PDB file of N, CA and C in Angstrom:
ATOM      1  N   MET A   1      -1.547-192.601-190.871  1.00  0.00           N
ATOM      2  CA  MET A   1      -1.953-191.802-191.198  1.00  0.00           C
ATOM      3  C   MET A   1      -1.900-190.127-191.502  1.00  0.00           C
ATOM      4  N   ASP A   2      -1.999-189.248-191.989  1.00  0.00           N
ATOM      5  CA  ASP A   2      -1.308-187.878-192.007  1.00  0.00           C
ATOM      6  C   ASP A   2      -2.150-187.342-191.222  1.00  0.00           C
ATOM      7  N   ALA A   3      -1.192-185.987-191.165  1.00  0.00           N
ATOM      8  CA  ALA A   3      -1.066-185.564-190.335  1.00  0.00           C
ATOM      9  C   ALA A   3      -2.314-184.391-189.856  1.00  0.00           C
ATOM     10  N   ALA A   4      -3.250-184.188-191.360  1.00  0.00           N
ATOM     11  CA  ALA A   4      -4.798-183.749-191.614  1.00  0.00           C
ATOM     12  C   ALA A   4      -5.164-184.092-190.477  1.00  0.00           C
ATOM     13  N   GLU A   5      -5.353-185.951-191.034  1.00  0.00           N
ATOM     14  CA  GLU A   5      -6.400-186.699-190.795  1.00  0.00           C
ATOM     15  C   GLU A   5      -6.465-187.101-189.275  1.00  0.00           C
ATOM     16  N   ALA A   6      -5.307-187.040-188.492  1.00  0.00           N
ATOM     17  CA  ALA A   6      -4.419-186.998-187.049  1.00  0.00           C
ATOM     18  C   ALA A   6      -5.208-186.121-186.124  1.00  0.00           C
ATOM     19  N   LEU A   7      -5.448-184.991-187.079  1.00  0.00           N
ATOM     20  CA  LEU A   7      -6.057-183.690-186.084  1.00  0.00           C
ATOM     21  C   LEU A   7      -7.404-184.027-186.178  1.00  0.00           C
ATOM     22  N   THR A   8      -8.156-184.137-187.585  1.00  0.00           N
ATOM     23  CA  THR A   8      -9.451-184.328-187.309  1.00  0.00           C
ATOM     24  C   THR A   8     -10.571-184.921-186.189  1.00  0.00           C
ATOM     25  N   ASP A   9      -9.558-186.173-186.681  1.00  0.00           N
ATOM     26  CA  ASP A   9      -9.348-187.014-185.576  1.00  0.00           C
ATOM     27  C   ASP A   9      -9.268-186.518-184.199  1.00  0.00           C
ATOM     28  N   LEU A  10      -8.215-186.082-183.733  1.00  0.00           N
ATOM     29  CA  LEU A  10      -8.267-184.936-181.941  1.00  0.00           C
ATOM     30  C   LEU A  10      -8.713-184.540-182.111  1.00  0.00           C
ATOM     31  N   THR A  11      -9.675-183.445-182.953  1.00  0.00           N
ATOM     32  CA  THR A  11     -10.847-182.510-182.156  1.00  0.00           C
ATOM     33  C   THR A  11     -12.114-183.368-182.365  1.00  0.00           C
ATOM     34  N   ASP A  12     -12.416-184.551-183.070  1.00  0.00           N
ATOM     35  CA  ASP A  12     -13.435-184.991-182.904  1.00  0.00           C
ATOM     36  C   ASP A  12     -13.750-185.945-181.221  1.00  0.00           C
ATOM     37  N   VAL A  13     -12.079-186.126-180.790  1.00  0.00           N
ATOM     38  CA  VAL A  13     -12.804-186.626-179.506  1.00  0.00           C
ATOM     39  C   VAL A  13     -12.057-186.254-178.401  1.00  0.00           C
ATOM     40  N   SER A  14     -11.646-185.193-178.802  1.00  0.00           N
ATOM     41  CA  SER A  14     -11.401-184.247-177.800  1.00  0.00           C
ATOM     42  C   SER A  14     -11.972-183.105-177.541  1.00  0.00           C
ATOM     43  N   ALA A  15     -13.017-182.364-176.804  1.00  0.00           N
ATOM     44  CA  ALA A  15     -13.704-181.319-176.995  1.00  0.00           C
ATOM     45  C   ALA A  15     -12.778-179.921-175.784  1.00  0.00           C
ATOM     46  N   GLN A  16     -11.833-180.727-175.414  1.00  0.00           N
ATOM     47  CA  GLN A  16     -11.174-179.213-174.884  1.00  0.00           C
ATOM     48  C   GLN A  16     -10.267-178.234-176.219  1.00  0.00           C
ATOM     49  N   VAL A  17      -9.888-179.285-177.424  1.00  0.00           N
ATOM     50  CA  VAL A  17      -8.875-178.590-178.160  1.00  0.00           C
ATOM     51  C   VAL A  17      -9.928-177.738-178.459  1.00  0.00           C
ATOM     52  N   ARG A  18      -9.416-176.846-178.737  1.00  0.00           N
ATOM     53  CA  ARG A  18      -9.874-175.030-179.309  1.00  0.00           C
ATOM     54  C   ARG A  18      -9.251-174.767-180.942  1.00  0.00           C
ATOM     55  N   GLU A  19      -7.318-175.069-181.111  1.00  0.00           N
ATOM     56  CA  GLU A  19      -6.794-174.887-182.100  1.00  0.00           C
ATOM     57  C   GLU A  19      -5.295-175.903-181.693  1.00  0.00           C
ATOM     58  N   ALA A  20      -5.248-176.539-183.164  1.00  0.00           N
ATOM     59  CA  ALA A  20      -4.313-177.107-183.045  1.00  0.00           C
ATOM     60  C   ALA A  20      -3.430-177.779-184.481  1.00  0.00           C
ATOM     61  N   VAL A  21      -2.082-177.396-184.244  1.00  0.00           N
ATOM     62  CA  VAL A  21      -1.028-178.271-185.096  1.00  0.00           C
ATOM     63  C   VAL A  21       0.181-179.504-185.282  1.00  0.00           C
ATOM     64  N   VAL A  22      -0.394-180.054-186.242  1.00  0.00           N
ATOM     65  CA  VAL A  22       1.403-181.042-185.920  1.00  0.00           C
ATOM     66  C   VAL A  22       2.957-179.756-186.523  1.00  0.00           C
ATOM     67  N   LEU A  23       3.399-179.792-186.062  1.00  0.00           N
ATOM     68  CA  LEU A  23       4.931-179.810-186.798  1.00  0.00           C
ATOM     69  C   LEU A  23       6.039-181.282-186.738  1.00  0.00           C
ATOM     70  N   GLU A  24       6.864-180.884-187.671  1.00  0.00           N
ATOM     71  CA  GLU A  24       8.224-181.488-187.672  1.00  0.00           C
ATOM     72  C   GLU A  24       8.727-181.281-186.447  1.00  0.00           C
ATOM     73  N   GLN A  25       9.964-182.017-186.031  1.00  0.00           N
ATOM     74  CA  GLN A  25      10.879-181.399-185.160  1.00  0.00           C
ATOM     75  C   GLN A  25      11.779-180.105-185.406  1.00  0.00           C
ATOM     76  N   ASN A  26      11.443-179.301-186.203  1.00  0.00           N
ATOM     77  CA  ASN A  26      12.367-178.909-187.236  1.00  0.00           C
ATOM     78  C   ASN A  26      11.689-177.219-186.920  1.00  0.00           C
ATOM     79  N   GLY A  27      10.370-177.399-187.073  1.00  0.00           N
ATOM     80  CA  GLY A  27       8.991-176.633-186.888  1.00  0.00           C
ATOM     81  C   GLY A  27       8.312-176.680-188.141  1.00  0.00           C
ATOM     82  N   ALA A  28       8.522-177.486-189.350  1.00  0.00           N
ATOM     83  CA  ALA A  28       7.615-176.861-190.040  1.00  0.00           C
ATOM     84  C   ALA A  28       6.355-178.076-189.800  1.00  0.00           C
ATOM     85  N   ILE A  29       5.347-176.920-190.239  1.00  0.00           N
ATOM     86  CA  ILE A  29       3.611-177.153-190.422  1.00  0.00           C
ATOM     87  C   ILE A  29       3.757-178.383-191.244  1.00  0.00           C
ATOM     88  N   LEU A  30       3.167-179.634-190.717  1.00  0.00           N
ATOM     89  CA  LEU A  30       2.127-180.914-191.414  1.00  0.00           C
ATOM     90  C   LEU A  30       0.825-180.602-191.585  1.00  0.00           C
ATOM     91  N   ALA A  31       0.462-179.905-190.006  1.00  0.00           N
ATOM     92  CA  ALA A  31      -1.397-180.149-190.355  1.00  0.00           C
ATOM     93  C   ALA A  31      -1.811-179.238-189.207  1.00  0.00           C
ATOM     94  N   SER A  32      -2.342-178.210-189.622  1.00  0.00           N
ATOM     95  CA  SER A  32      -3.250-177.101-188.446  1.00  0.00           C
ATOM     96  C   SER A  32      -4.975-176.767-188.965  1.00  0.00           C
ATOM     97  N   THR A  33      -5.498-176.987-187.855  1.00  0.00           N
ATOM     98  CA  THR A  33      -6.797-177.281-187.220  1.00  0.00           C
ATOM     99  C   THR A  33      -7.315-175.507-188.214  1.00  0.00           C
ATOM    100  N   LEU A  34      -6.369-174.754-187.639  1.00  0.00           N
ATOM    101  CA  LEU A  34      -5.784-173.210-188.347  1.00  0.00           C
ATOM    102  C   LEU A  34      -6.297-173.088-189.729  1.00  0.00           C
ATOM    103  N   ASP A  35      -7.199-171.592-190.235  1.00  0.00           N
ATOM    104  CA  ASP A  35      -6.783-171.341-190.994  1.00  0.00           C
ATOM    105  C   ASP A  35      -6.803-170.100-191.740  1.00  0.00           C
ATOM    106  N   ASP A  36      -6.090-169.014-190.523  1.00  0.00           N
ATOM    107  CA  ASP A  36      -5.179-168.576-190.888  1.00  0.00           C
ATOM    108  C   ASP A  36      -3.701-169.004-190.573  1.00  0.00           C
ATOM    109  N   ASP A  37      -2.769-169.170-191.721  1.00  0.00           N
ATOM    110  CA  ASP A  37      -1.115-169.436-192.076  1.00  0.00           C
ATOM    111  C   ASP A  37      -0.513-168.802-191.056  1.00  0.00           C
ATOM    112  N   ASP A  38      -1.397-167.536-190.692  1.00  0.00           N
ATOM    113  CA  ASP A  38       0.036-167.198-189.354  1.00  0.00           C
ATOM    114  C   ASP A  38      -0.791-166.814-188.501  1.00  0.00           C
ATOM    115  N   ARG A  39      -1.754-167.463-188.108  1.00  0.00           N
ATOM    116  CA  ARG A  39      -1.929-168.294-186.336  1.00  0.00           C
ATOM    117  C   ARG A  39      -1.344-169.536-186.360  1.00  0.00           C
ATOM    118  N   ALA A  40      -1.248-170.394-187.363  1.00  0.00           N
ATOM    119  CA  ALA A  40      -0.971-171.191-187.143  1.00  0.00           C
ATOM    120  C   ALA A  40       0.658-171.427-186.223  1.00  0.00           C
ATOM    121  N   ARG A  41       1.759-170.382-188.050  1.00  0.00           N
ATOM    122  CA  ARG A  41       2.638-170.598-187.628  1.00  0.00           C
ATOM    123  C   ARG A  41       3.348-169.825-185.987  1.00  0.00           C
ATOM    124  N   ARG A  42       2.339-169.044-185.658  1.00  0.00           N
ATOM    125  CA  ARG A  42       2.706-168.446-184.322  1.00  0.00           C
ATOM    126  C   ARG A  42       1.856-169.151-183.250  1.00  0.00           C
ATOM    127  N   LEU A  43       1.432-170.305-183.613  1.00  0.00           N
ATOM    128  CA  LEU A  43       0.903-171.502-182.403  1.00  0.00           C
ATOM    129  C   LEU A  43       2.309-172.671-182.725  1.00  0.00           C
ATOM    130  N   ALA A  44       2.776-173.287-183.439  1.00  0.00           N
ATOM    131  CA  ALA A  44       3.797-173.538-183.919  1.00  0.00           C
ATOM    132  C   ALA A  44       4.727-173.332-183.513  1.00  0.00           C
ATOM    133  N   ASP A  45       5.653-171.822-183.662  1.00  0.00           N
ATOM    134  CA  ASP A  45       6.584-171.580-183.047  1.00  0.00           C
ATOM    135  C   ASP A  45       6.618-171.436-181.776  1.00  0.00           C
ATOM    136  N   ALA A  46       5.450-171.162-180.738  1.00  0.00           N
ATOM    137  CA  ALA A  46       5.959-171.102-179.426  1.00  0.00           C
ATOM    138  C   ALA A  46       5.357-172.650-179.419  1.00  0.00           C
ATOM    139  N   ALA A  47       4.941-173.230-179.536  1.00  0.00           N
ATOM    140  CA  ALA A  47       5.560-174.625-179.415  1.00  0.00           C
ATOM    141  C   ALA A  47       7.035-175.658-179.297  1.00  0.00           C
ATOM    142  N   ARG A  48       7.612-174.910-180.038  1.00  0.00           N
ATOM    143  CA  ARG A  48       8.825-175.315-180.201  1.00  0.00           C
ATOM    144  C   ARG A  48       9.685-174.789-179.015  1.00  0.00           C
ATOM    145  N   ALA A  49       8.962-173.092-179.027  1.00  0.00           N
ATOM    146  CA  ALA A  49      10.151-171.774-178.594  1.00  0.00           C
ATOM    147  C   ALA A  49       9.788-172.835-176.555  1.00  0.00           C
ATOM    148  N   ALA A  50       8.703-172.612-176.697  1.00  0.00           N
ATOM    149  CA  ALA A  50       7.777-173.629-175.172  1.00  0.00           C
ATOM    150  C   ALA A  50       8.744-175.213-174.919  1.00  0.00           C
ATOM    151  N   LEU A  51       9.459-176.418-175.428  1.00  0.00           N
ATOM    152  CA  LEU A  51       9.491-176.913-175.597  1.00  0.00           C
ATOM    153  C   LEU A  51      11.898-177.076-175.803  1.00  0.00           C
ATOM    154  N   ASP A  52      12.316-175.816-176.377  1.00  0.00           N
ATOM    155  CA  ASP A  52      13.115-175.342-176.471  1.00  0.00           C
ATOM    156  C   ASP A  52      13.728-174.888-174.877  1.00  0.00           C
ATOM    157  N   ALA A  53      12.183-173.639-174.471  1.00  0.00           N
ATOM    158  CA  ALA A  53      12.922-173.546-173.040  1.00  0.00           C
ATOM    159  C   ALA A  53      12.873-174.336-171.666  1.00  0.00           C
ATOM    160  N   ALA A  54      12.404-175.733-171.635  1.00  0.00           N
ATOM    161  CA  ALA A  54      11.848-176.296-171.157  1.00  0.00           C
ATOM    162  C   ALA A  54      13.379-177.008-170.806  1.00  0.00           C
ATOM    163  N   GLY A  55      13.681-177.532-172.250  1.00  0.00           N
ATOM    164  CA  GLY A  55      14.415-178.370-172.341  1.00  0.00           C
ATOM    165  C   GLY A  55      16.239-177.440-171.494  1.00  0.00           C
ATOM    166  N   ALA A  56      15.893-175.996-171.770  1.00  0.00           N
ATOM    167  CA  ALA A  56      16.848-175.342-171.403  1.00  0.00           C
ATOM    168  C   ALA A  56      17.103-175.722-169.952  1.00  0.00           C
ATOM    169  N   ILE A  57      16.221-175.851-169.440  1.00  0.00           N
ATOM    170  CA  ILE A  57      16.482-175.066-168.027  1.00  0.00           C
ATOM    171  C   ILE A  57      16.098-176.386-166.844  1.00  0.00           C
ATOM    172  N   ARG A  58      17.183-177.833-168.020  1.00  0.00           N
ATOM    173  CA  ARG A  58      16.568-179.084-166.921  1.00  0.00           C
ATOM    174  C   ARG A  58      18.155-179.380-166.364  1.00  0.00           C
ATOM    175  N   ALA A  59      18.151-179.262-165.138  1.00  0.00           N
ATOM    176  CA  ALA A  59      19.463-179.122-164.596  1.00  0.00           C
ATOM    177  C   ALA A  59      20.611-179.993-164.543  1.00  0.00           C
ATOM    178  N   THR A  60      20.384-181.620-165.296  1.00  0.00           N
ATOM    179  CA  THR A  60      20.765-182.392-166.097  1.00  0.00           C
ATOM    180  C   THR A  60      20.685-183.337-166.531  1.00  0.00           C
ATOM    181  N   GLY A  61      21.142-184.653-167.386  1.00  0.00           N
ATOM    182  CA  GLY A  61      20.856-185.427-168.505  1.00  0.00           C
ATOM    183  C   GLY A  61      20.505-185.072-169.050  1.00  0.00           C
ATOM    184  N   SER A  62      20.310-186.137-169.924  1.00  0.00           N
ATOM    185  CA  SER A  62      20.415-185.406-172.113  1.00  0.00           C
ATOM    186  C   SER A  62      19.106-186.134-172.270  1.00  0.00           C
ATOM    187  N   ALA A  63      17.811-186.267-170.595  1.00  0.00           N
ATOM    188  CA  ALA A  63      16.448-186.936-172.027  1.00  0.00           C
ATOM    189  C   ALA A  63      15.812-185.866-172.014  1.00  0.00           C
ATOM    190  N   ARG A  64      14.847-185.115-173.104  1.00  0.00           N
ATOM    191  CA  ARG A  64      14.690-184.354-173.623  1.00  0.00           C
ATOM    192  C   ARG A  64      12.815-183.758-173.021  1.00  0.00           C
ATOM    193  N   VAL A  65      12.721-183.126-173.389  1.00  0.00           N
ATOM    194  CA  VAL A  65      11.049-182.273-172.701  1.00  0.00           C
ATOM    195  C   VAL A  65      10.376-183.161-173.735  1.00  0.00           C
ATOM    196  N   THR A  66       9.394-184.247-173.564  1.00  0.00           N
ATOM    197  CA  THR A  66       8.267-184.488-174.792  1.00  0.00           C
ATOM    198  C   THR A  66       7.175-183.655-173.810  1.00  0.00           C
ATOM    199  N   ALA A  67       6.600-183.256-172.951  1.00  0.00           N
ATOM    200  CA  ALA A  67       5.186-183.383-172.835  1.00  0.00           C
ATOM    201  C   ALA A  67       5.411-181.627-171.806  1.00  0.00           C
ATOM    202  N   LEU A  68       4.065-180.811-172.215  1.00  0.00           N
ATOM    203  CA  LEU A  68       4.163-179.695-171.342  1.00  0.00           C
ATOM    204  C   LEU A  68       3.229-178.531-171.272  1.00  0.00           C
ATOM    205  N   GLU A  69       2.761-177.992-169.988  1.00  0.00           N
ATOM    206  CA  GLU A  69       1.262-177.363-170.430  1.00  0.00           C
ATOM    207  C   GLU A  69       2.252-175.275-169.801  1.00  0.00           C
ATOM    208  N   ALA A  70       1.351-174.864-170.210  1.00  0.00           N
ATOM    209  CA  ALA A  70       1.407-173.493-170.100  1.00  0.00           C
ATOM    210  C   ALA A  70       0.020-173.101-169.587  1.00  0.00           C
ATOM    211  N   ALA A  71      -0.789-172.800-169.068  1.00  0.00           N
ATOM    212  CA  ALA A  71      -1.594-172.481-168.166  1.00  0.00           C
ATOM    213  C   ALA A  71      -1.568-171.257-167.590  1.00  0.00           C
ATOM    214  N   THR A  72      -2.758-169.725-168.219  1.00  0.00           N
ATOM    215  CA  THR A  72      -3.263-169.309-168.538  1.00  0.00           C
ATOM    216  C   THR A  72      -4.889-169.261-167.895  1.00  0.00           C
ATOM    217  N   ARG A  73      -4.679-167.933-166.635  1.00  0.00           N
ATOM    218  CA  ARG A  73      -6.656-167.803-166.767  1.00  0.00           C
ATOM    219  C   ARG A  73      -7.671-167.586-168.001  1.00  0.00           C
ATOM    220  N   SER A  74      -7.156-167.350-169.121  1.00  0.00           N
ATOM    221  CA  SER A  74      -8.190-167.900-170.353  1.00  0.00           C
ATOM    222  C   SER A  74      -7.902-169.240-170.633  1.00  0.00           C
ATOM    223  N   GLY A  75      -6.813-169.628-170.842  1.00  0.00           N
ATOM    224  CA  GLY A  75      -6.953-170.995-171.301  1.00  0.00           C
ATOM    225  C   GLY A  75      -5.478-171.537-171.190  1.00  0.00           C
ATOM    226  N   SER A  76      -5.084-172.857-171.786  1.00  0.00           N
ATOM    227  CA  SER A  76      -3.159-173.501-171.879  1.00  0.00           C
ATOM    228  C   SER A  76      -3.082-173.896-173.340  1.00  0.00           C
ATOM    229  N   LEU A  77      -1.935-173.619-173.645  1.00  0.00           N
ATOM    230  CA  LEU A  77      -1.116-174.052-174.072  1.00  0.00           C
ATOM    231  C   LEU A  77      -0.898-175.837-174.016  1.00  0.00           C
ATOM    232  N   PHE A  78      -1.211-176.945-174.947  1.00  0.00           N
ATOM    233  CA  PHE A  78      -0.258-178.293-174.641  1.00  0.00           C
ATOM    234  C   PHE A  78       0.673-178.237-175.610  1.00  0.00           C
ATOM    235  N   VAL A  79       1.415-179.029-175.239  1.00  0.00           N
ATOM    236  CA  VAL A  79       2.505-180.290-176.403  1.00  0.00           C
ATOM    237  C   VAL A  79       2.539-180.693-175.813  1.00  0.00           C
ATOM    238  N   ALA A  80       2.893-181.636-177.014  1.00  0.00           N
ATOM    239  CA  ALA A  80       3.328-183.804-176.713  1.00  0.00           C
ATOM    240  C   ALA A  80       4.363-183.483-177.882  1.00  0.00           C
ATOM    241  N   ALA A  81       5.687-183.829-177.741  1.00  0.00           N
ATOM    242  CA  ALA A  81       6.771-183.935-178.345  1.00  0.00           C
ATOM    243  C   ALA A  81       6.707-185.311-179.001  1.00  0.00           C
ATOM    244  N   GLY A  82       6.447-186.076-179.982  1.00  0.00           N
ATOM    245  CA  GLY A  82       6.958-187.520-180.573  1.00  0.00           C
ATOM    246  C   GLY A  82       7.757-187.644-180.770  1.00  0.00           C
ATOM    247  N   LYS A  83       8.832-188.895-181.302  1.00  0.00           N
ATOM    248  CA  LYS A  83       9.897-188.930-182.233  1.00  0.00           C
ATOM    249  C   LYS A  83      10.500-188.033-183.782  1.00  0.00           C
ATOM    250  N   ASP A  84       9.393-188.184-184.196  1.00  0.00           N
ATOM    251  CA  ASP A  84       9.546-187.506-185.421  1.00  0.00           C
ATOM    252  C   ASP A  84       8.889-186.405-185.103  1.00  0.00           C
ATOM    253  N   ALA A  85       7.196-185.610-184.960  1.00  0.00           N
ATOM    254  CA  ALA A  85       6.600-184.954-184.615  1.00  0.00           C
ATOM    255  C   ALA A  85       6.461-184.131-183.654  1.00  0.00           C
ATOM    256  N   VAL A  86       5.576-183.122-183.530  1.00  0.00           N
ATOM    257  CA  VAL A  86       5.132-182.242-182.154  1.00  0.00           C
ATOM    258  C   VAL A  86       4.006-181.669-182.854  1.00  0.00           C
ATOM    259  N   CYS A  87       3.260-182.242-181.323  1.00  0.00           N
ATOM    260  CA  CYS A  87       1.555-182.017-181.248  1.00  0.00           C
ATOM    261  C   CYS A  87       1.480-180.700-180.205  1.00  0.00           C
ATOM    262  N   ALA A  88       0.696-180.073-181.038  1.00  0.00           N
ATOM    263  CA  ALA A  88       0.259-178.910-179.482  1.00  0.00           C
ATOM    264  C   ALA A  88      -0.962-177.977-180.025  1.00  0.00           C
ATOM    265  N   ALA A  89      -1.695-178.077-178.765  1.00  0.00           N
ATOM    266  CA  ALA A  89      -3.251-177.337-179.052  1.00  0.00           C
ATOM    267  C   ALA A  89      -3.831-176.190-178.026  1.00  0.00           C
ATOM    268  N   THR A  90      -4.028-175.645-178.241  1.00  0.00           N
ATOM    269  CA  THR A  90      -4.550-174.607-177.367  1.00  0.00           C
ATOM    270  C   THR A  90      -6.127-175.652-176.560  1.00  0.00           C
ATOM    271  N   THR A  91      -6.710-174.832-174.952  1.00  0.00           N
ATOM    272  CA  THR A  91      -7.667-175.286-175.037  1.00  0.00           C
ATOM    273  C   THR A  91      -8.323-174.355-174.115  1.00  0.00           C
ATOM    274  N   GLY A  92      -9.683-174.254-173.675  1.00  0.00           N
ATOM    275  CA  GLY A  92     -10.223-173.206-172.625  1.00  0.00           C
ATOM    276  C   GLY A  92      -9.344-173.150-170.764  1.00  0.00           C
ATOM    277  N   PRO A  93     -10.152-172.189-170.061  1.00  0.00           N
ATOM    278  CA  PRO A  93      -8.913-172.896-169.398  1.00  0.00           C
ATOM    279  C   PRO A  93      -9.422-174.047-167.810  1.00  0.00           C
ATOM    280  N   ASP A  94      -8.404-174.769-166.880  1.00  0.00           N
ATOM    281  CA  ASP A  94      -8.901-175.846-166.120  1.00  0.00           C
ATOM    282  C   ASP A  94      -9.674-176.924-167.257  1.00  0.00           C
ATOM    283  N   GLU A  95      -9.371-176.761-168.117  1.00  0.00           N
ATOM    284  CA  GLU A  95      -9.243-178.633-168.772  1.00  0.00           C
ATOM    285  C   GLU A  95      -8.180-179.789-167.798  1.00  0.00           C
ATOM    286  N   PRO A  96      -8.256-180.892-168.165  1.00  0.00           N
ATOM    287  CA  PRO A  96      -8.060-181.960-167.518  1.00  0.00           C
ATOM    288  C   PRO A  96      -6.905-182.012-168.084  1.00  0.00           C
ATOM    289  N   SER A  97      -5.414-181.688-167.757  1.00  0.00           N
ATOM    290  CA  SER A  97      -4.437-181.846-168.738  1.00  0.00           C
ATOM    291  C   SER A  97      -3.605-183.137-169.224  1.00  0.00           C
ATOM    292  N   GLY A  98      -4.322-184.020-168.115  1.00  0.00           N
ATOM    293  CA  GLY A  98      -3.977-185.773-168.549  1.00  0.00           C
ATOM    294  C   GLY A  98      -4.774-185.714-169.095  1.00  0.00           C
ATOM    295  N   LEU A  99      -5.702-186.018-169.295  1.00  0.00           N
ATOM    296  CA  LEU A  99      -6.707-186.065-171.006  1.00  0.00           C
ATOM    297  C   LEU A  99      -6.561-185.254-172.356  1.00  0.00           C
ATOM    298  N   VAL A 100      -5.448-183.929-171.939  1.00  0.00           N
ATOM    299  CA  VAL A 100      -5.624-183.398-173.433  1.00  0.00           C
ATOM    300  C   VAL A 100      -4.357-184.432-173.700  1.00  0.00           C
ATOM    301  N   LEU A 101      -2.987-184.325-172.470  1.00  0.00           N
ATOM    302  CA  LEU A 101      -1.465-184.447-172.926  1.00  0.00           C
ATOM    303  C   LEU A 101      -1.839-186.214-173.563  1.00  0.00           C
ATOM    304  N   TYR A 102      -3.104-187.213-173.538  1.00  0.00           N
ATOM    305  CA  TYR A 102      -3.098-188.009-173.903  1.00  0.00           C
ATOM    306  C   TYR A 102      -3.462-188.069-175.351  1.00  0.00           C
ATOM    307  N   ASP A 103      -4.726-187.521-175.475  1.00  0.00           N
ATOM    308  CA  ASP A 103      -5.189-186.798-176.815  1.00  0.00           C
ATOM    309  C   ASP A 103      -4.400-186.468-177.550  1.00  0.00           C
ATOM    310  N   LEU A 104      -3.011-186.238-176.679  1.00  0.00           N
ATOM    311  CA  LEU A 104      -2.470-184.929-178.465  1.00  0.00           C
ATOM    312  C   LEU A 104      -1.465-186.425-178.901  1.00  0.00           C
ATOM    313  N   ARG A 105      -1.339-187.076-177.559  1.00  0.00           N
ATOM    314  CA  ARG A 105      -0.145-188.099-177.606  1.00  0.00           C
ATOM    315  C   ARG A 105      -0.808-189.479-178.506  1.00  0.00           C
ATOM    316  N   ALA A 106      -1.882-189.923-179.108  1.00  0.00           N
ATOM    317  CA  ALA A 106      -2.865-190.821-179.578  1.00  0.00           C
ATOM    318  C   ALA A 106      -2.173-190.088-181.132  1.00  0.00           C
ATOM    319  N   CYS A 107      -2.402-188.711-181.057  1.00  0.00           N
ATOM    320  CA  CYS A 107      -2.513-188.031-182.601  1.00  0.00           C
ATOM    321  C   CYS A 107      -1.311-188.204-182.585  1.00  0.00           C
ATOM    322  N   LEU A 108      -0.428-188.417-182.219  1.00  0.00           N
ATOM    323  CA  LEU A 108       1.271-188.199-182.296  1.00  0.00           C
ATOM    324  C   LEU A 108       1.651-189.747-182.779  1.00  0.00           C
ATOM    325  N   ARG A 109       1.183-190.686-182.454  1.00  0.00           N
ATOM    326  CA  ARG A 109       1.377-191.983-182.365  1.00  0.00           C
ATOM    327  C   ARG A 109       0.321-192.760-183.582  1.00  0.00           C
ATOM    328  N   SER A 110      -1.049-192.236-183.634  1.00  0.00           N
ATOM    329  CA  SER A 110      -1.320-192.399-185.220  1.00  0.00           C
ATOM    330  C   SER A 110      -0.226-191.555-186.713  1.00  0.00           C
ATOM    331  N   ILE A 111       0.977-190.552-186.181  1.00  0.00           N
ATOM    332  CA  ILE A 111       1.136-190.263-187.576  1.00  0.00           C
ATOM    333  C   ILE A 111       2.218-191.376-187.614  1.00  0.00           C
ATOM    334  N   GLU A 112       3.103-191.394-186.887  1.00  0.00           N
ATOM    335  CA  GLU A 112       4.250-191.564-186.635  1.00  0.00           C
ATOM    336  C   GLU A 112       4.109-193.431-186.402  1.00  0.00           C
ATOM    337  N   ASP A 113       3.198-194.257-185.671  1.00  0.00           N
ATOM    338  CA  ASP A 113       3.119-195.304-186.169  1.00  0.00           C
ATOM    339  C   ASP A 113       2.825-195.893-188.126  1.00  0.00           C
ATOM    340  N   ASP A 114       2.172-195.257-188.327  1.00  0.00           N
ATOM    341  CA  ASP A 114       1.841-194.793-190.393  1.00  0.00           C
ATOM    342  C   ASP A 114       3.245-194.363-190.866  1.00  0.00           C
ATOM    343  N   GLY A 115       4.291-193.872-190.639  1.00  0.00           N
ATOM    344  CA  GLY A 115       5.711-193.277-191.476  1.00  0.00           C
ATOM    345  C   GLY A 115       6.821-194.056-191.037  1.00  0.00           C
TER     346      GLY A 115
END
């Protein structure tokens, strides 16, 4: 399945997701739910920066960060990293992080299993 179809499926099954983007590990955007390219780029950049920052604070080991949540009072940023791609989404406040991350990982699997 291509990234655009995977995002459509994600938003169909995950009512918590407000906006989402799929990007390659290098940051190139594959698909987005946003009509505004600048906002999509900002979301992709924030996801990549969050993964990089989380990875940089790991004390030891070579395991990479594969999921994270950054929460504020007004909502959260969720990021899931797969083998070849990254899926990031914003939600409202107090969404069930396990469920959102599961849905993001399912989105990635549908892309990566096809490629």
